[in-house]
Amino acid sequence: MSSIETITEFLGWCSVINIGLLILASIFLVIVRGPISKIHTKMFGLSEADISRAYFQYLAQYKIAILVFNLVPYVALKIMT
């Protein structure tokens, strides 16, 4: 069985990787939002406003998932040790 230190380190690296991916996805959406929005508008038959809302929801839900599943358990384990 893994020790608390190993699990803490694992969650720490998971947090770093996931936060990096969140930042990368945010930058990517800001830079190429126009062309990607046009592609998604045609693919899914949605308006530009709906696509923008979907992008925002994606980033918001991913951020919440990082907080709930990576960052909060990491901080709790750091407090315990």
Protein backbone atom coordinates (compact mmCIF):
# COMPACT_ATOMS: atom_id res chain seq x y z
CA MET A 1 0.00 0.00 0.00
CA SER A 2 1.18 3.51 -0.77
CA SER A 3 2.26 5.85 1.96
CA ILE A 4 0.64 9.20 2.57
CA GLU A 5 3.76 10.94 1.28
CA THR A 6 3.55 9.04 -2.03
CA ILE A 7 -0.12 9.86 -2.46
CA THR A 8 0.56 13.51 -1.59
CA GLU A 9 3.32 13.71 -4.18
CA PHE A 10 1.10 12.01 -6.76
CA LEU A 11 -1.76 14.48 -6.19
CA GLY A 12 0.70 17.37 -6.31
CA TRP A 13 1.98 16.32 -9.73
CA CYS A 14 -1.57 15.66 -10.93
CA SER A 15 -2.47 19.21 -9.89
CA VAL A 16 0.53 20.68 -11.70
CA ILE A 17 -0.21 18.77 -14.90
CA ASN A 18 -3.94 19.54 -14.87
CA ILE A 19 -3.43 23.24 -14.12
CA GLY A 20 -0.91 23.35 -16.98
CA LEU A 21 -3.45 21.77 -19.32
CA LEU A 22 -6.10 24.24 -18.17
CA ILE A 23 -3.79 27.17 -18.88
CA LEU A 24 -2.84 25.70 -22.26
CA ALA A 25 -6.49 25.16 -23.22
CA SER A 26 -7.38 28.71 -22.14
CA ILE A 27 -4.54 30.22 -24.17
CA PHE A 28 -5.43 28.04 -27.16
CA LEU A 29 -9.08 29.13 -27.05
CA VAL A 30 -8.10 32.80 -26.83
CA ILE A 31 -5.65 32.58 -29.73
CA VAL A 32 -7.65 30.48 -32.22
CA ARG A 33 -11.18 31.16 -31.02
CA GLY A 34 -12.44 32.58 -34.33
CA PRO A 35 -11.56 29.72 -36.68
CA ILE A 36 -12.43 27.04 -34.14
CA SER A 37 -15.77 28.70 -33.37
CA LYS A 38 -16.67 28.69 -37.06
CA ILE A 39 -15.83 25.00 -37.37
CA HIS A 40 -17.86 24.08 -34.26
CA THR A 41 -20.76 26.29 -35.36
CA LYS A 42 -20.99 24.39 -38.64
CA MET A 43 -20.42 20.96 -37.06
CA PHE A 44 -23.03 21.27 -34.32
CA GLY A 45 -25.47 23.78 -35.81
CA LEU A 46 -25.16 26.16 -32.87
CA SER A 47 -24.90 29.93 -32.77
CA GLU A 48 -21.66 31.77 -31.95
CA ALA A 49 -23.12 32.72 -28.55
CA ASP A 50 -23.87 29.07 -27.74
CA ILE A 51 -20.36 28.02 -28.76
CA SER A 52 -18.82 30.74 -26.58
CA ARG A 53 -20.97 29.61 -23.67
CA ALA A 54 -19.89 26.00 -24.22
CA TYR A 55 -16.21 27.01 -24.21
CA PHE A 56 -16.67 28.92 -20.97
CA GLN A 57 -18.55 26.01 -19.36
CA TYR A 58 -15.81 23.59 -20.44
CA LEU A 59 -13.09 25.69 -18.82
CA ALA A 60 -15.16 26.33 -15.69
CA GLN A 61 -16.06 22.66 -15.19
CA TYR A 62 -12.48 21.54 -15.79
CA LYS A 63 -11.27 24.06 -13.22
CA ILE A 64 -13.80 22.81 -10.66
CA ALA A 65 -12.78 19.19 -11.34
CA ILE A 66 -9.12 20.10 -10.75
CA LEU A 67 -9.99 21.76 -7.48
CA VAL A 68 -12.21 18.95 -6.22
CA PHE A 69 -10.20 15.92 -7.32
CA ASN A 70 -6.59 17.15 -7.20
CA LEU A 71 -5.95 20.34 -5.31
CA VAL A 72 -8.21 19.97 -2.26
CA PRO A 73 -7.06 16.39 -1.47
CA TYR A 74 -3.44 17.52 -1.94
CA VAL A 75 -3.85 20.42 0.50
CA ALA A 76 -5.68 18.19 2.99
CA LEU A 77 -2.85 15.63 2.91
CA LYS A 78 -0.24 18.39 3.25
CA ILE A 79 -2.07 19.66 6.35
CA MET A 80 -2.15 16.13 7.81
CA THR A 81 1.59 15.54 7.41
